[in-house]
Amino acid sequence: MRLHLSCGQRQSRARAFTLVELLVVIAIIGVLVALLLPAVQAAREAARRTQCLNHLKQIALSMHNFSDTQGGLPPATPGVSPYWGMGTWQAATLPYIEGGNVAATYYDYGVAGGRKYDHADNIAGATGKTLKFWLCPSDMRNKSGWPGGAAGNVTYHNYGVNFGNTAIDDGSAKWAVDTHNGFTFQQAPFMTGKPQRLALITDGLSNTLMASEFIVGQRNDLRGNGWWATASGFVVSLKPNDTSPDLSWSSTAWCDAKTPNPPCAIKPNANYVFGARSRHPVGVNVALCDGSIRFVNNSVTGAIWHDLGTSAGGEVIGPY
């Protein structure tokens, strides 16, 4: 006996997909997604890097606005004891970067023996605030860092200023040490005490770094804690994203080399060395003292990076 199919039944059967065909289509879609995903991720990172550059531009403008009214760049530290705890460029520039309301809740900036940045009053005010214009969207945040306890935690951000070409002694009013790792200090835009006049940057504003990026330390690591004067700047004795470690002289909890943190090493009774670092592929964003911004590749020579970090070294800067 023959089974006769209607025309509609034959057409319906002809349009159906076999299991093999479905698997092939799924495989093709998977390949296309695999090909497109890196491009999408690259586009997103490019947008994040641009946003990060814009934040550095805002920082540069706030520095120049500060200089116009105060006669120079904000000091690395106000120059009163304890030198590491009585204020940084972050506190000083808040009124010049749409943070005047936050600045009003920073207590005892530059007051010898006053309430330090990690005092409960300051954490309840300015230093407990996360400010988006100091955050790079390519990095992760740390919401449970220093100091912990009933007072809470200070906030971490992603930008630091140029402390020159040696290292930092945060127990001294002098601040930058004379020599480190074969380098002799040749001045920096951000010094201790009173504001540094732009005219003293004799290497040229376009040839001198003003600010760059930090990777925020996780757990109790203090890198990214820009309210602490010691960690509010970088030195150029380390290259961008250097494989050599940042240096600290205290606890491994505060200098935590475990992933995802950058390399760090304890050097008892030594000085602090924090390099410019970012989570962007192959380099860091920077602002120069003339207010311009650019991206610097990790492959920049150590000599050029060093020369960009001095403000009175008399060097001739080559292409980078």
C-alpha atoms as a PDB file:
ATOM      1  CA  MET A   1       0.000   0.000   0.000  1.00  0.00           C
ATOM      2  CA  ARG A   2       1.387   3.401  -0.951  1.00  0.00           C
ATOM      3  CA  LEU A   3       1.345   6.322   1.464  1.00  0.00           C
ATOM      4  CA  HIS A   4       0.525   9.532  -0.339  1.00  0.00           C
ATOM      5  CA  LEU A   5       1.789  12.815   1.191  1.00  0.00           C
ATOM      6  CA  SER A   6       0.028  16.051   0.559  1.00  0.00           C
ATOM      7  CA  CYS A   7       1.904  18.962  -1.011  1.00  0.00           C
ATOM      8  CA  GLY A   8       1.897  20.829   2.303  1.00  0.00           C
ATOM      9  CA  GLN A   9       3.400  17.860   4.098  1.00  0.00           C
ATOM     10  CA  ARG A  10       6.191  17.551   1.527  1.00  0.00           C
ATOM     11  CA  GLN A  11       7.036  21.284   1.764  1.00  0.00           C
ATOM     12  CA  SER A  12       7.118  21.156   5.583  1.00  0.00           C
ATOM     13  CA  ARG A  13       9.458  18.196   5.504  1.00  0.00           C
ATOM     14  CA  ALA A  14      11.730  19.912   2.947  1.00  0.00           C
ATOM     15  CA  ARG A  15      12.142  23.026   5.166  1.00  0.00           C
ATOM     16  CA  ALA A  16      13.272  21.134   8.305  1.00  0.00           C
ATOM     17  CA  PHE A  17      16.921  21.186   9.488  1.00  0.00           C
ATOM     18  CA  THR A  18      18.775  18.052  10.314  1.00  0.00           C
ATOM     19  CA  LEU A  19      20.711  17.739  13.575  1.00  0.00           C
ATOM     20  CA  VAL A  20      24.002  17.902  11.679  1.00  0.00           C
ATOM     21  CA  GLU A  21      22.990  21.160   9.995  1.00  0.00           C
ATOM     22  CA  LEU A  22      22.034  22.700  13.335  1.00  0.00           C
ATOM     23  CA  LEU A  23      25.380  21.713  14.825  1.00  0.00           C
ATOM     24  CA  VAL A  24      27.206  23.254  11.861  1.00  0.00           C
ATOM     25  CA  VAL A  25      25.289  26.519  12.247  1.00  0.00           C
ATOM     26  CA  ILE A  26      26.017  26.607  15.990  1.00  0.00           C
ATOM     27  CA  ALA A  27      29.704  25.968  15.309  1.00  0.00           C
ATOM     28  CA  ILE A  28      29.836  28.812  12.768  1.00  0.00           C
ATOM     29  CA  ILE A  29      28.161  31.183  15.223  1.00  0.00           C
ATOM     30  CA  GLY A  30      30.669  30.139  17.886  1.00  0.00           C
ATOM     31  CA  VAL A  31      33.592  30.856  15.557  1.00  0.00           C
ATOM     32  CA  LEU A  32      32.150  34.276  14.649  1.00  0.00           C
ATOM     33  CA  VAL A  33      31.694  35.142  18.325  1.00  0.00           C
ATOM     34  CA  ALA A  34      35.255  34.021  19.070  1.00  0.00           C
ATOM     35  CA  LEU A  35      36.509  36.247  16.257  1.00  0.00           C
ATOM     36  CA  LEU A  36      34.420  39.251  17.265  1.00  0.00           C
ATOM     37  CA  LEU A  37      34.983  39.092  21.025  1.00  0.00           C
ATOM     38  CA  PRO A  38      38.609  40.317  20.981  1.00  0.00           C
ATOM     39  CA  ALA A  39      37.596  43.202  18.723  1.00  0.00           C
ATOM     40  CA  VAL A  40      34.761  44.147  21.077  1.00  0.00           C
ATOM     41  CA  GLN A  41      37.074  43.911  24.087  1.00  0.00           C
ATOM     42  CA  ALA A  42      39.699  46.027  22.306  1.00  0.00           C
ATOM     43  CA  ALA A  43      37.092  48.671  21.485  1.00  0.00           C
ATOM     44  CA  ARG A  44      35.928  48.741  25.089  1.00  0.00           C
ATOM     45  CA  GLU A  45      39.499  49.068  26.363  1.00  0.00           C
ATOM     46  CA  ALA A  46      40.148  51.896  23.887  1.00  0.00           C
ATOM     47  CA  ALA A  47      37.116  53.713  25.296  1.00  0.00           C
ATOM     48  CA  ARG A  48      38.316  53.119  28.865  1.00  0.00           C
ATOM     49  CA  ARG A  49      41.798  54.352  28.001  1.00  0.00           C
ATOM     50  CA  THR A  50      40.324  57.505  26.458  1.00  0.00           C
ATOM     51  CA  GLN A  51      38.257  58.124  29.581  1.00  0.00           C
ATOM     52  CA  CYS A  52      41.383  57.635  31.674  1.00  0.00           C
ATOM     53  CA  LEU A  53      43.260  60.170  29.527  1.00  0.00           C
ATOM     54  CA  ASN A  54      40.421  62.636  30.015  1.00  0.00           C
ATOM     55  CA  HIS A  55      40.747  62.224  33.795  1.00  0.00           C
ATOM     56  CA  LEU A  56      44.450  63.054  33.525  1.00  0.00           C
ATOM     57  CA  LYS A  57      43.541  66.123  31.472  1.00  0.00           C
ATOM     58  CA  GLN A  58      41.222  67.240  34.277  1.00  0.00           C
ATOM     59  CA  ILE A  59      44.031  66.704  36.790  1.00  0.00           C
ATOM     60  CA  ALA A  60      46.425  68.758  34.655  1.00  0.00           C
ATOM     61  CA  LEU A  61      43.879  71.582  34.396  1.00  0.00           C
ATOM     62  CA  SER A  62      43.295  71.524  38.147  1.00  0.00           C
ATOM     63  CA  MET A  63      47.068  71.776  38.693  1.00  0.00           C
ATOM     64  CA  HIS A  64      47.315  74.822  36.443  1.00  0.00           C
ATOM     65  CA  ASN A  65      44.278  76.423  38.066  1.00  0.00           C
ATOM     66  CA  PHE A  66      45.924  75.844  41.453  1.00  0.00           C
ATOM     67  CA  SER A  67      49.162  77.336  40.140  1.00  0.00           C
ATOM     68  CA  ASP A  68      47.371  80.416  38.821  1.00  0.00           C
ATOM     69  CA  THR A  69      45.936  81.198  42.251  1.00  0.00           C
ATOM     70  CA  GLN A  70      48.630  79.841  44.589  1.00  0.00           C
ATOM     71  CA  GLY A  71      51.783  80.672  42.648  1.00  0.00           C
ATOM     72  CA  GLY A  72      52.889  77.126  41.860  1.00  0.00           C
ATOM     73  CA  LEU A  73      52.010  73.453  41.754  1.00  0.00           C
ATOM     74  CA  PRO A  74      50.589  71.892  44.938  1.00  0.00           C
ATOM     75  CA  PRO A  75      53.339  70.439  47.138  1.00  0.00           C
ATOM     76  CA  ALA A  76      53.928  66.717  47.428  1.00  0.00           C
ATOM     77  CA  THR A  77      53.363  67.207  51.163  1.00  0.00           C
ATOM     78  CA  PRO A  78      52.738  70.468  53.061  1.00  0.00           C
ATOM     79  CA  GLY A  79      56.084  70.130  54.842  1.00  0.00           C
ATOM     80  CA  VAL A  80      54.873  69.599  58.408  1.00  0.00           C
ATOM     81  CA  SER A  81      55.240  66.522  60.580  1.00  0.00           C
ATOM     82  CA  PRO A  82      54.185  63.782  60.107  1.00  0.00           C
ATOM     83  CA  TYR A  83      55.164  64.484  56.501  1.00  0.00           C
ATOM     84  CA  TRP A  84      53.356  61.437  55.149  1.00  0.00           C
ATOM     85  CA  GLY A  85      50.040  62.179  56.830  1.00  0.00           C
ATOM     86  CA  MET A  86      49.108  65.868  56.693  1.00  0.00           C
ATOM     87  CA  GLY A  87      47.900  66.223  53.121  1.00  0.00           C
ATOM     88  CA  THR A  88      48.682  65.555  49.454  1.00  0.00           C
ATOM     89  CA  TRP A  89      48.019  67.111  46.072  1.00  0.00           C
ATOM     90  CA  GLN A  90      44.628  65.351  46.129  1.00  0.00           C
ATOM     91  CA  ALA A  91      43.434  67.403  49.089  1.00  0.00           C
ATOM     92  CA  ALA A  92      44.990  70.593  47.715  1.00  0.00           C
ATOM     93  CA  THR A  93      43.404  70.408  44.252  1.00  0.00           C
ATOM     94  CA  LEU A  94      39.881  69.358  45.250  1.00  0.00           C
ATOM     95  CA  PRO A  95      38.509  72.921  45.000  1.00  0.00           C
ATOM     96  CA  TYR A  96      39.949  73.178  41.467  1.00  0.00           C
ATOM     97  CA  ILE A  97      38.412  69.969  40.108  1.00  0.00           C
ATOM     98  CA  GLU A  98      34.776  70.418  41.174  1.00  0.00           C
ATOM     99  CA  GLY A  99      35.439  68.951  44.595  1.00  0.00           C
ATOM    100  CA  GLY A 100      35.044  72.037  46.784  1.00  0.00           C
ATOM    101  CA  ASN A 101      32.303  70.427  48.860  1.00  0.00           C
ATOM    102  CA  VAL A 102      34.579  67.437  49.542  1.00  0.00           C
ATOM    103  CA  ALA A 103      37.534  69.718  50.325  1.00  0.00           C
ATOM    104  CA  ALA A 104      35.475  71.310  53.091  1.00  0.00           C
ATOM    105  CA  THR A 105      35.467  67.951  54.881  1.00  0.00           C
ATOM    106  CA  TYR A 106      39.244  67.443  54.802  1.00  0.00           C
ATOM    107  CA  TYR A 107      40.480  68.477  58.242  1.00  0.00           C
ATOM    108  CA  ASP A 108      43.873  69.866  59.274  1.00  0.00           C
ATOM    109  CA  TYR A 109      45.607  69.959  55.904  1.00  0.00           C
ATOM    110  CA  GLY A 110      49.121  71.179  56.617  1.00  0.00           C
ATOM    111  CA  VAL A 111      48.560  71.459  60.373  1.00  0.00           C
ATOM    112  CA  ALA A 112      51.529  69.987  62.258  1.00  0.00           C
ATOM    113  CA  GLY A 113      50.340  67.227  64.587  1.00  0.00           C
ATOM    114  CA  GLY A 114      46.727  67.645  63.442  1.00  0.00           C
ATOM    115  CA  ARG A 115      44.205  65.072  62.300  1.00  0.00           C
ATOM    116  CA  LYS A 116      45.953  62.867  59.750  1.00  0.00           C
ATOM    117  CA  TYR A 117      44.333  61.623  56.559  1.00  0.00           C
ATOM    118  CA  ASP A 118      43.305  58.343  58.251  1.00  0.00           C
ATOM    119  CA  HIS A 119      41.710  60.033  61.288  1.00  0.00           C
ATOM    120  CA  ALA A 120      38.053  59.037  61.767  1.00  0.00           C
ATOM    121  CA  ASP A 121      36.917  62.617  61.047  1.00  0.00           C
ATOM    122  CA  ASN A 122      38.687  62.651  57.691  1.00  0.00           C
ATOM    123  CA  ILE A 123      37.483  59.177  56.745  1.00  0.00           C
ATOM    124  CA  ALA A 124      33.936  60.295  57.530  1.00  0.00           C
ATOM    125  CA  GLY A 125      34.651  63.275  55.275  1.00  0.00           C
ATOM    126  CA  ALA A 126      36.979  63.612  52.298  1.00  0.00           C
ATOM    127  CA  THR A 127      39.297  60.631  52.536  1.00  0.00           C
ATOM    128  CA  GLY A 128      36.421  58.165  52.747  1.00  0.00           C
ATOM    129  CA  LYS A 129      34.935  59.449  49.477  1.00  0.00           C
ATOM    130  CA  THR A 130      35.479  57.708  46.143  1.00  0.00           C
ATOM    131  CA  LEU A 131      35.871  60.346  43.441  1.00  0.00           C
ATOM    132  CA  LYS A 132      35.176  59.162  39.894  1.00  0.00           C
ATOM    133  CA  PHE A 133      37.442  61.747  38.249  1.00  0.00           C
ATOM    134  CA  TRP A 134      40.417  60.027  39.940  1.00  0.00           C
ATOM    135  CA  LEU A 135      39.436  56.484  38.886  1.00  0.00           C
ATOM    136  CA  CYS A 136      40.575  54.644  35.757  1.00  0.00           C
ATOM    137  CA  PRO A 137      37.772  52.383  34.456  1.00  0.00           C
ATOM    138  CA  SER A 138      40.309  49.746  33.346  1.00  0.00           C
ATOM    139  CA  ASP A 139      41.267  48.976  36.952  1.00  0.00           C
ATOM    140  CA  MET A 140      39.404  47.351  39.827  1.00  0.00           C
ATOM    141  CA  ARG A 141      38.515  49.102  43.078  1.00  0.00           C
ATOM    142  CA  ASN A 142      39.492  48.316  46.652  1.00  0.00           C
ATOM    143  CA  LYS A 143      36.675  48.873  49.131  1.00  0.00           C
ATOM    144  CA  SER A 144      38.261  47.131  52.087  1.00  0.00           C
ATOM    145  CA  GLY A 145      41.798  48.418  52.346  1.00  0.00           C
ATOM    146  CA  TRP A 146      43.381  50.676  54.963  1.00  0.00           C
ATOM    147  CA  PRO A 147      42.959  51.120  57.914  1.00  0.00           C
ATOM    148  CA  GLY A 148      39.814  49.095  58.646  1.00  0.00           C
ATOM    149  CA  GLY A 149      38.135  48.921  62.027  1.00  0.00           C
ATOM    150  CA  ALA A 150      35.388  51.134  63.357  1.00  0.00           C
ATOM    151  CA  ALA A 151      36.606  54.212  61.488  1.00  0.00           C
ATOM    152  CA  GLY A 152      36.197  52.525  58.106  1.00  0.00           C
ATOM    153  CA  ASN A 153      38.635  52.777  55.201  1.00  0.00           C
ATOM    154  CA  VAL A 154      40.213  55.478  53.141  1.00  0.00           C
ATOM    155  CA  THR A 155      39.512  55.374  49.416  1.00  0.00           C
ATOM    156  CA  TYR A 156      41.970  54.379  46.704  1.00  0.00           C
ATOM    157  CA  HIS A 157      42.399  56.094  43.337  1.00  0.00           C
ATOM    158  CA  ASN A 158      44.459  55.638  40.183  1.00  0.00           C
ATOM    159  CA  TYR A 159      46.605  58.717  39.663  1.00  0.00           C
ATOM    160  CA  GLY A 160      49.860  59.986  41.111  1.00  0.00           C
ATOM    161  CA  VAL A 161      52.200  62.909  40.500  1.00  0.00           C
ATOM    162  CA  ASN A 162      55.874  63.011  39.535  1.00  0.00           C
ATOM    163  CA  PHE A 163      58.236  62.786  42.525  1.00  0.00           C
ATOM    164  CA  GLY A 164      61.370  62.694  40.377  1.00  0.00           C
ATOM    165  CA  ASN A 165      64.083  60.185  39.633  1.00  0.00           C
ATOM    166  CA  THR A 166      65.203  58.755  42.991  1.00  0.00           C
ATOM    167  CA  ALA A 167      63.122  57.556  45.971  1.00  0.00           C
ATOM    168  CA  ILE A 168      61.072  58.947  48.862  1.00  0.00           C
ATOM    169  CA  ASP A 169      61.959  59.292  52.541  1.00  0.00           C
ATOM    170  CA  ASP A 170      58.566  60.043  54.054  1.00  0.00           C
ATOM    171  CA  GLY A 171      59.993  60.639  57.517  1.00  0.00           C
ATOM    172  CA  SER A 172      61.976  63.652  56.391  1.00  0.00           C
ATOM    173  CA  ALA A 173      60.999  67.183  55.443  1.00  0.00           C
ATOM    174  CA  LYS A 174      63.416  66.834  52.526  1.00  0.00           C
ATOM    175  CA  TRP A 175      61.143  64.148  51.009  1.00  0.00           C
ATOM    176  CA  ALA A 176      63.089  63.089  47.888  1.00  0.00           C
ATOM    177  CA  VAL A 177      66.426  61.400  48.605  1.00  0.00           C
ATOM    178  CA  ASP A 178      69.659  62.596  46.990  1.00  0.00           C
ATOM    179  CA  THR A 179      70.592  59.320  45.312  1.00  0.00           C
ATOM    180  CA  HIS A 180      68.946  56.006  44.505  1.00  0.00           C
ATOM    181  CA  ASN A 181      69.973  53.078  42.319  1.00  0.00           C
ATOM    182  CA  GLY A 182      72.708  55.097  40.622  1.00  0.00           C
ATOM    183  CA  PHE A 183      70.530  58.180  40.011  1.00  0.00           C
ATOM    184  CA  THR A 184      71.189  61.635  41.480  1.00  0.00           C
ATOM    185  CA  PHE A 185      68.115  63.728  42.235  1.00  0.00           C
ATOM    186  CA  GLN A 186      67.611  66.396  39.563  1.00  0.00           C
ATOM    187  CA  GLN A 187      64.515  68.123  40.923  1.00  0.00           C
ATOM    188  CA  ALA A 188      60.852  67.278  40.371  1.00  0.00           C
ATOM    189  CA  PRO A 189      57.620  69.205  39.785  1.00  0.00           C
ATOM    190  CA  PHE A 190      56.203  68.136  43.151  1.00  0.00           C
ATOM    191  CA  MET A 191      58.364  68.962  46.156  1.00  0.00           C
ATOM    192  CA  THR A 192      57.707  69.391  49.860  1.00  0.00           C
ATOM    193  CA  GLY A 193      56.597  72.612  51.534  1.00  0.00           C
ATOM    194  CA  LYS A 194      55.434  75.595  49.514  1.00  0.00           C
ATOM    195  CA  PRO A 195      54.113  75.409  45.919  1.00  0.00           C
ATOM    196  CA  GLN A 196      56.715  74.802  43.213  1.00  0.00           C
ATOM    197  CA  ARG A 197      56.758  77.591  40.620  1.00  0.00           C
ATOM    198  CA  LEU A 198      56.390  76.404  37.030  1.00  0.00           C
ATOM    199  CA  ALA A 199      59.330  78.626  36.082  1.00  0.00           C
ATOM    200  CA  LEU A 200      61.607  76.295  38.060  1.00  0.00           C
ATOM    201  CA  ILE A 201      60.859  73.453  35.635  1.00  0.00           C
ATOM    202  CA  THR A 202      63.793  74.441  33.458  1.00  0.00           C
ATOM    203  CA  ASP A 203      63.714  71.273  31.345  1.00  0.00           C
ATOM    204  CA  GLY A 204      60.523  72.611  29.777  1.00  0.00           C
ATOM    205  CA  LEU A 205      56.902  71.946  30.668  1.00  0.00           C
ATOM    206  CA  SER A 206      56.363  69.762  27.592  1.00  0.00           C
ATOM    207  CA  ASN A 207      59.412  67.642  28.504  1.00  0.00           C
ATOM    208  CA  THR A 208      58.493  66.957  32.131  1.00  0.00           C
ATOM    209  CA  LEU A 209      55.971  64.466  33.473  1.00  0.00           C
ATOM    210  CA  MET A 210      53.250  65.854  35.713  1.00  0.00           C
ATOM    211  CA  ALA A 211      51.113  62.806  36.501  1.00  0.00           C
ATOM    212  CA  SER A 212      50.576  59.180  35.547  1.00  0.00           C
ATOM    213  CA  GLU A 213      48.674  56.100  36.676  1.00  0.00           C
ATOM    214  CA  PHE A 214      48.766  53.644  39.551  1.00  0.00           C
ATOM    215  CA  ILE A 215      47.236  50.187  39.835  1.00  0.00           C
ATOM    216  CA  VAL A 216      45.058  50.082  42.946  1.00  0.00           C
ATOM    217  CA  GLY A 217      46.411  47.609  45.491  1.00  0.00           C
ATOM    218  CA  GLN A 218      44.015  44.962  46.762  1.00  0.00           C
ATOM    219  CA  ARG A 219      43.512  43.841  50.356  1.00  0.00           C
ATOM    220  CA  ASN A 220      45.630  46.037  52.700  1.00  0.00           C
ATOM    221  CA  ASP A 221      48.165  47.007  50.039  1.00  0.00           C
ATOM    222  CA  LEU A 222      48.621  50.782  50.201  1.00  0.00           C
ATOM    223  CA  ARG A 223      49.347  51.467  46.533  1.00  0.00           C
ATOM    224  CA  GLY A 224      46.627  53.701  45.160  1.00  0.00           C
ATOM    225  CA  ASN A 225      46.063  55.338  48.555  1.00  0.00           C
ATOM    226  CA  GLY A 226      46.727  58.847  47.293  1.00  0.00           C
ATOM    227  CA  TRP A 227      45.610  60.434  50.575  1.00  0.00           C
ATOM    228  CA  TRP A 228      48.831  59.012  52.039  1.00  0.00           C
ATOM    229  CA  ALA A 229      51.513  61.374  50.751  1.00  0.00           C
ATOM    230  CA  THR A 230      54.039  58.583  50.212  1.00  0.00           C
ATOM    231  CA  ALA A 231      51.772  56.788  47.729  1.00  0.00           C
ATOM    232  CA  SER A 232      50.472  59.921  46.013  1.00  0.00           C
ATOM    233  CA  GLY A 233      53.329  60.011  43.511  1.00  0.00           C
ATOM    234  CA  PHE A 234      55.611  57.872  41.363  1.00  0.00           C
ATOM    235  CA  VAL A 235      59.314  57.948  40.630  1.00  0.00           C
ATOM    236  CA  VAL A 236      60.970  57.283  37.281  1.00  0.00           C
ATOM    237  CA  SER A 237      63.703  55.037  38.630  1.00  0.00           C
ATOM    238  CA  LEU A 238      61.179  52.347  37.597  1.00  0.00           C
ATOM    239  CA  LYS A 239      59.888  52.226  34.013  1.00  0.00           C
ATOM    240  CA  PRO A 240      56.148  52.073  33.225  1.00  0.00           C
ATOM    241  CA  ASN A 241      54.772  48.713  34.408  1.00  0.00           C
ATOM    242  CA  ASP A 242      58.283  47.649  35.365  1.00  0.00           C
ATOM    243  CA  THR A 243      58.830  43.994  36.210  1.00  0.00           C
ATOM    244  CA  SER A 244      61.105  45.169  39.016  1.00  0.00           C
ATOM    245  CA  PRO A 245      59.131  45.597  42.237  1.00  0.00           C
ATOM    246  CA  ASP A 246      57.916  48.699  43.969  1.00  0.00           C
ATOM    247  CA  LEU A 247      59.799  49.068  47.261  1.00  0.00           C
ATOM    248  CA  SER A 248      58.487  49.556  50.774  1.00  0.00           C
ATOM    249  CA  TRP A 249      60.118  49.235  54.187  1.00  0.00           C
ATOM    250  CA  SER A 250      57.297  48.042  56.408  1.00  0.00           C
ATOM    251  CA  SER A 251      54.705  45.246  56.341  1.00  0.00           C
ATOM    252  CA  THR A 252      54.031  42.658  53.647  1.00  0.00           C
ATOM    253  CA  ALA A 253      50.346  43.361  54.249  1.00  0.00           C
ATOM    254  CA  TRP A 254      50.883  46.930  52.989  1.00  0.00           C
ATOM    255  CA  CYS A 255      53.278  45.866  50.249  1.00  0.00           C
ATOM    256  CA  ASP A 256      51.364  42.823  48.999  1.00  0.00           C
ATOM    257  CA  ALA A 257      52.881  41.148  45.929  1.00  0.00           C
ATOM    258  CA  LYS A 258      50.150  38.522  45.565  1.00  0.00           C
ATOM    259  CA  THR A 259      48.003  38.699  42.441  1.00  0.00           C
ATOM    260  CA  PRO A 260      46.312  40.767  41.166  1.00  0.00           C
ATOM    261  CA  ASN A 261      48.708  43.305  42.724  1.00  0.00           C
ATOM    262  CA  PRO A 262      51.853  44.485  40.908  1.00  0.00           C
ATOM    263  CA  PRO A 263      55.277  43.310  42.141  1.00  0.00           C
ATOM    264  CA  CYS A 264      56.383  44.693  45.489  1.00  0.00           C
ATOM    265  CA  ALA A 265      59.287  44.004  47.839  1.00  0.00           C
ATOM    266  CA  ILE A 266      60.091  44.860  51.448  1.00  0.00           C
ATOM    267  CA  LYS A 267      63.323  46.766  52.059  1.00  0.00           C
ATOM    268  CA  PRO A 268      63.643  47.342  55.822  1.00  0.00           C
ATOM    269  CA  ASN A 269      64.924  50.801  56.753  1.00  0.00           C
ATOM    270  CA  ALA A 270      65.049  51.779  53.072  1.00  0.00           C
ATOM    271  CA  ASN A 271      63.079  54.338  51.088  1.00  0.00           C
ATOM    272  CA  TYR A 272      59.865  54.084  49.104  1.00  0.00           C
ATOM    273  CA  VAL A 273      59.838  53.495  45.366  1.00  0.00           C
ATOM    274  CA  PHE A 274      56.486  53.400  43.561  1.00  0.00           C
ATOM    275  CA  GLY A 275      56.449  53.227  39.760  1.00  0.00           C
ATOM    276  CA  ALA A 276      53.803  54.258  37.232  1.00  0.00           C
ATOM    277  CA  ARG A 277      51.568  51.269  36.467  1.00  0.00           C
ATOM    278  CA  SER A 278      48.262  50.585  34.704  1.00  0.00           C
ATOM    279  CA  ARG A 279      46.032  47.745  33.532  1.00  0.00           C
ATOM    280  CA  HIS A 280      46.041  49.060  29.956  1.00  0.00           C
ATOM    281  CA  PRO A 281      47.824  46.799  27.475  1.00  0.00           C
ATOM    282  CA  VAL A 282      51.455  47.830  26.834  1.00  0.00           C
ATOM    283  CA  GLY A 283      51.684  51.189  28.581  1.00  0.00           C
ATOM    284  CA  VAL A 284      50.454  54.029  30.787  1.00  0.00           C
ATOM    285  CA  ASN A 285      48.651  57.309  30.284  1.00  0.00           C
ATOM    286  CA  VAL A 286      50.489  60.453  31.370  1.00  0.00           C
ATOM    287  CA  ALA A 287      49.981  64.196  31.669  1.00  0.00           C
ATOM    288  CA  LEU A 288      52.887  66.527  31.020  1.00  0.00           C
ATOM    289  CA  CYS A 289      53.493  69.792  32.835  1.00  0.00           C
ATOM    290  CA  ASP A 290      52.260  71.865  29.888  1.00  0.00           C
ATOM    291  CA  GLY A 291      48.840  70.227  30.348  1.00  0.00           C
ATOM    292  CA  SER A 292      49.100  67.878  27.365  1.00  0.00           C
ATOM    293  CA  ILE A 293      48.237  64.183  27.681  1.00  0.00           C
ATOM    294  CA  ARG A 294      49.494  61.086  25.888  1.00  0.00           C
ATOM    295  CA  PHE A 295      50.030  57.337  26.104  1.00  0.00           C
ATOM    296  CA  VAL A 296      53.558  56.058  26.813  1.00  0.00           C
ATOM    297  CA  ASN A 297      54.433  52.527  25.767  1.00  0.00           C
ATOM    298  CA  ASN A 298      56.159  50.155  28.169  1.00  0.00           C
ATOM    299  CA  SER A 299      58.928  49.871  25.589  1.00  0.00           C
ATOM    300  CA  VAL A 300      60.066  53.465  26.214  1.00  0.00           C
ATOM    301  CA  THR A 301      63.766  53.406  27.047  1.00  0.00           C
ATOM    302  CA  GLY A 302      64.743  53.753  30.672  1.00  0.00           C
ATOM    303  CA  ALA A 303      66.867  56.780  29.760  1.00  0.00           C
ATOM    304  CA  ILE A 304      63.990  58.695  28.142  1.00  0.00           C
ATOM    305  CA  TRP A 305      61.567  57.827  30.945  1.00  0.00           C
ATOM    306  CA  HIS A 306      64.159  58.948  33.500  1.00  0.00           C
ATOM    307  CA  ASP A 307      64.740  62.237  31.656  1.00  0.00           C
ATOM    308  CA  LEU A 308      60.993  62.914  31.477  1.00  0.00           C
ATOM    309  CA  GLY A 309      60.905  62.597  35.266  1.00  0.00           C
ATOM    310  CA  THR A 310      63.463  65.295  36.071  1.00  0.00           C
ATOM    311  CA  SER A 311      62.544  68.975  36.008  1.00  0.00           C
ATOM    312  CA  ALA A 312      66.052  70.464  36.004  1.00  0.00           C
ATOM    313  CA  GLY A 313      68.276  67.784  34.500  1.00  0.00           C
ATOM    314  CA  GLY A 314      69.099  69.647  31.300  1.00  0.00           C
ATOM    315  CA  GLU A 315      68.509  66.569  29.137  1.00  0.00           C
ATOM    316  CA  VAL A 316      67.435  66.579  25.482  1.00  0.00           C
ATOM    317  CA  ILE A 317      64.378  64.345  25.120  1.00  0.00           C
ATOM    318  CA  GLY A 318      64.307  62.130  22.045  1.00  0.00           C
ATOM    319  CA  PRO A 319      61.206  60.661  20.371  1.00  0.00           C
ATOM    320  CA  TYR A 320      59.104  58.313  22.499  1.00  0.00           C
END
